[in-house]
Amino acid sequence: MEIKLNIGYKQIMKLIRQMPASQVARLKAELDDKFLAGKSKAEITDLQQMLLEAPVMTDDQYKVFLENRKKFSQWR
């Protein structure tokens, strides 16, 4: 038997506040870094994924960029 509930964040927090301290500690232990890290990796947006896969400047390109920026600053 499986029951699915649609509960909001505020309701969950209200329920957690009603729990004894030992159960809150147990819940916190179960929501360890591995669980949270796994959830956050799965929630990467398309924009974030595109930025992570985007090309980066080479050292030479960066030097040219800095030179151009310096020239534009002097030009103003």
N, C-alpha and C. Protein backbone atom coordinates (compact mmCIF):
# COMPACT_ATOMS: atom_id res chain seq x y z
N MET A 1 0.84 -1.17 0.00
CA MET A 1 0.00 0.00 0.00
C MET A 1 0.89 1.24 0.00
N GLU A 2 0.55 2.19 -0.84
CA GLU A 2 1.34 3.41 -0.95
C GLU A 2 0.41 4.61 -0.92
N ILE A 3 0.81 5.61 -0.14
CA ILE A 3 0.03 6.84 -0.05
C ILE A 3 0.94 7.99 -0.45
N LYS A 4 0.46 8.82 -1.36
CA LYS A 4 1.21 10.00 -1.77
C LYS A 4 0.47 11.23 -1.27
N LEU A 5 1.22 12.13 -0.62
CA LEU A 5 0.64 13.36 -0.10
C LEU A 5 1.27 14.55 -0.79
N ASN A 6 0.48 15.56 -1.01
CA ASN A 6 0.98 16.80 -1.58
C ASN A 6 1.02 17.83 -0.45
N ILE A 7 2.16 17.92 0.24
CA ILE A 7 2.29 18.78 1.41
C ILE A 7 3.28 19.89 1.09
N GLY A 8 2.94 21.11 1.46
CA GLY A 8 3.82 22.25 1.24
C GLY A 8 4.94 22.32 2.26
N TYR A 9 5.92 23.16 1.97
CA TYR A 9 7.10 23.31 2.83
C TYR A 9 6.71 23.75 4.24
N LYS A 10 5.82 24.72 4.34
CA LYS A 10 5.43 25.24 5.66
C LYS A 10 4.76 24.15 6.50
N GLN A 11 3.97 23.31 5.85
CA GLN A 11 3.30 22.23 6.57
C GLN A 11 4.32 21.20 7.06
N ILE A 12 5.31 20.92 6.23
CA ILE A 12 6.36 19.97 6.64
C ILE A 12 7.11 20.52 7.84
N MET A 13 7.46 21.80 7.80
CA MET A 13 8.18 22.41 8.91
C MET A 13 7.34 22.39 10.19
N LYS A 14 6.06 22.61 10.06
CA LYS A 14 5.17 22.58 11.22
C LYS A 14 5.15 21.18 11.83
N LEU A 15 5.11 20.15 10.99
CA LEU A 15 5.12 18.77 11.48
C LEU A 15 6.45 18.43 12.14
N ILE A 16 7.55 18.89 11.56
CA ILE A 16 8.87 18.61 12.14
C ILE A 16 9.00 19.26 13.51
N ARG A 17 8.48 20.46 13.65
CA ARG A 17 8.56 21.16 14.95
C ARG A 17 7.77 20.44 16.04
N GLN A 18 6.81 19.63 15.66
CA GLN A 18 6.02 18.88 16.63
C GLN A 18 6.71 17.58 17.05
N MET A 19 7.74 17.19 16.35
CA MET A 19 8.43 15.93 16.64
C MET A 19 9.34 16.08 17.86
N PRO A 20 9.56 14.98 18.60
CA PRO A 20 10.52 15.00 19.70
C PRO A 20 11.94 15.21 19.15
N ALA A 21 12.82 15.73 20.00
CA ALA A 21 14.18 16.06 19.58
C ALA A 21 14.92 14.84 19.03
N SER A 22 14.69 13.67 19.61
CA SER A 22 15.39 12.47 19.13
C SER A 22 14.98 12.12 17.70
N GLN A 23 13.71 12.30 17.37
CA GLN A 23 13.26 12.01 16.01
C GLN A 23 13.76 13.06 15.02
N VAL A 24 13.86 14.32 15.47
CA VAL A 24 14.39 15.37 14.61
C VAL A 24 15.86 15.07 14.30
N ALA A 25 16.61 14.63 15.30
CA ALA A 25 18.02 14.28 15.09
C ALA A 25 18.14 13.11 14.13
N ARG A 26 17.26 12.14 14.26
CA ARG A 26 17.28 10.98 13.36
C ARG A 26 16.95 11.40 11.93
N LEU A 27 15.97 12.28 11.78
CA LEU A 27 15.60 12.79 10.46
C LEU A 27 16.77 13.54 9.83
N LYS A 28 17.40 14.36 10.65
CA LYS A 28 18.55 15.14 10.17
C LYS A 28 19.68 14.21 9.73
N ALA A 29 19.90 13.15 10.48
CA ALA A 29 20.95 12.19 10.13
C ALA A 29 20.65 11.49 8.81
N GLU A 30 19.38 11.22 8.56
CA GLU A 30 19.00 10.55 7.31
C GLU A 30 19.12 11.47 6.11
N LEU A 31 18.98 12.76 6.35
CA LEU A 31 19.13 13.74 5.27
C LEU A 31 20.56 14.24 5.24
N ASP A 32 21.48 13.31 5.13
CA ASP A 32 22.90 13.66 5.16
C ASP A 32 23.34 14.31 3.86
N ASP A 33 24.61 14.66 3.80
CA ASP A 33 25.16 15.35 2.64
C ASP A 33 25.04 14.54 1.36
N LYS A 34 25.18 13.23 1.44
CA LYS A 34 25.09 12.40 0.24
C LYS A 34 23.71 12.50 -0.39
N PHE A 35 22.68 12.44 0.44
CA PHE A 35 21.30 12.53 -0.07
C PHE A 35 21.06 13.90 -0.68
N LEU A 36 21.45 14.96 0.04
CA LEU A 36 21.21 16.31 -0.45
C LEU A 36 22.05 16.61 -1.68
N ALA A 37 23.28 16.13 -1.73
CA ALA A 37 24.13 16.35 -2.90
C ALA A 37 23.54 15.64 -4.13
N GLY A 38 23.03 14.45 -3.92
CA GLY A 38 22.41 13.73 -5.03
C GLY A 38 21.18 14.43 -5.56
N LYS A 39 20.40 15.02 -4.67
CA LYS A 39 19.22 15.75 -5.09
C LYS A 39 19.60 17.01 -5.85
N SER A 40 20.58 17.75 -5.35
CA SER A 40 20.93 19.01 -5.99
C SER A 40 21.55 18.79 -7.37
N LYS A 41 22.31 17.71 -7.56
CA LYS A 41 22.90 17.43 -8.87
C LYS A 41 21.81 17.13 -9.88
N ALA A 42 20.75 16.49 -9.45
CA ALA A 42 19.67 16.13 -10.36
C ALA A 42 18.84 17.34 -10.76
N GLU A 43 18.96 18.43 -10.01
CA GLU A 43 18.13 19.60 -10.24
C GLU A 43 18.86 20.71 -11.00
N ILE A 44 19.91 20.37 -11.73
CA ILE A 44 20.64 21.36 -12.51
C ILE A 44 19.77 21.78 -13.69
N THR A 45 19.63 23.09 -13.87
CA THR A 45 18.79 23.60 -14.95
C THR A 45 19.51 23.51 -16.28
N ASP A 46 18.76 23.71 -17.35
CA ASP A 46 19.36 23.68 -18.69
C ASP A 46 20.40 24.77 -18.84
N LEU A 47 20.12 25.96 -18.28
CA LEU A 47 21.08 27.07 -18.36
C LEU A 47 22.37 26.71 -17.63
N GLN A 48 22.25 26.15 -16.45
CA GLN A 48 23.44 25.76 -15.69
C GLN A 48 24.23 24.71 -16.45
N GLN A 49 23.55 23.76 -17.05
CA GLN A 49 24.23 22.72 -17.81
C GLN A 49 24.96 23.31 -19.01
N MET A 50 24.31 24.27 -19.70
CA MET A 50 24.94 24.92 -20.84
C MET A 50 26.20 25.67 -20.40
N LEU A 51 26.11 26.38 -19.27
CA LEU A 51 27.27 27.13 -18.77
C LEU A 51 28.41 26.20 -18.36
N LEU A 52 28.07 25.06 -17.79
CA LEU A 52 29.10 24.11 -17.39
C LEU A 52 29.82 23.50 -18.59
N GLU A 53 29.12 23.38 -19.70
CA GLU A 53 29.70 22.77 -20.89
C GLU A 53 30.26 23.80 -21.88
N ALA A 54 30.13 25.09 -21.57
CA ALA A 54 30.55 26.15 -22.48
C ALA A 54 32.07 26.20 -22.61
N PRO A 55 32.55 26.70 -23.75
CA PRO A 55 34.00 26.82 -23.92
C PRO A 55 34.57 27.92 -23.01
N VAL A 56 35.84 27.81 -22.73
CA VAL A 56 36.51 28.81 -21.89
C VAL A 56 37.66 29.42 -22.68
N MET A 57 38.13 30.59 -22.22
CA MET A 57 39.23 31.28 -22.89
C MET A 57 40.55 30.56 -22.64
N THR A 58 41.39 30.60 -23.66
CA THR A 58 42.76 30.13 -23.46
C THR A 58 43.54 31.27 -22.81
N ASP A 59 44.74 31.00 -22.36
CA ASP A 59 45.57 32.04 -21.75
C ASP A 59 45.87 33.15 -22.75
N ASP A 60 46.13 32.79 -23.99
CA ASP A 60 46.42 33.79 -25.02
C ASP A 60 45.21 34.68 -25.29
N GLN A 61 44.04 34.07 -25.36
CA GLN A 61 42.82 34.85 -25.57
C GLN A 61 42.57 35.80 -24.41
N TYR A 62 42.86 35.35 -23.20
CA TYR A 62 42.66 36.20 -22.03
C TYR A 62 43.62 37.39 -22.05
N LYS A 63 44.86 37.17 -22.47
CA LYS A 63 45.83 38.27 -22.58
C LYS A 63 45.35 39.30 -23.59
N VAL A 64 44.84 38.84 -24.72
CA VAL A 64 44.31 39.75 -25.74
C VAL A 64 43.13 40.53 -25.18
N PHE A 65 42.26 39.86 -24.46
CA PHE A 65 41.11 40.51 -23.83
C PHE A 65 41.56 41.62 -22.89
N LEU A 66 42.55 41.33 -22.04
CA LEU A 66 43.04 42.34 -21.10
C LEU A 66 43.66 43.53 -21.83
N GLU A 67 44.40 43.26 -22.90
CA GLU A 67 44.98 44.35 -23.69
C GLU A 67 43.89 45.22 -24.31
N ASN A 68 42.88 44.58 -24.87
CA ASN A 68 41.77 45.33 -25.47
C ASN A 68 41.02 46.15 -24.44
N ARG A 69 40.82 45.59 -23.26
CA ARG A 69 40.12 46.32 -22.21
C ARG A 69 40.92 47.54 -21.79
N LYS A 70 42.23 47.37 -21.69
CA LYS A 70 43.10 48.48 -21.32
C LYS A 70 43.03 49.58 -22.38
N LYS A 71 43.05 49.20 -23.66
CA LYS A 71 42.97 50.17 -24.75
C LYS A 71 41.64 50.91 -24.74
N PHE A 72 40.55 50.20 -24.50
CA PHE A 72 39.24 50.85 -24.44
C PHE A 72 39.15 51.81 -23.25
N SER A 73 39.76 51.45 -22.14
CA SER A 73 39.75 52.33 -20.97
C SER A 73 40.52 53.61 -21.26
N GLN A 74 41.63 53.51 -21.98
CA GLN A 74 42.41 54.69 -22.33
C GLN A 74 41.67 55.54 -23.36
N TRP A 75 40.94 54.91 -24.24
CA TRP A 75 40.24 55.60 -25.31
C TRP A 75 39.14 56.52 -24.76
N ARG A 76 38.50 56.10 -23.67
CA ARG A 76 37.43 56.91 -23.09
C ARG A 76 38.04 58.14 -22.55
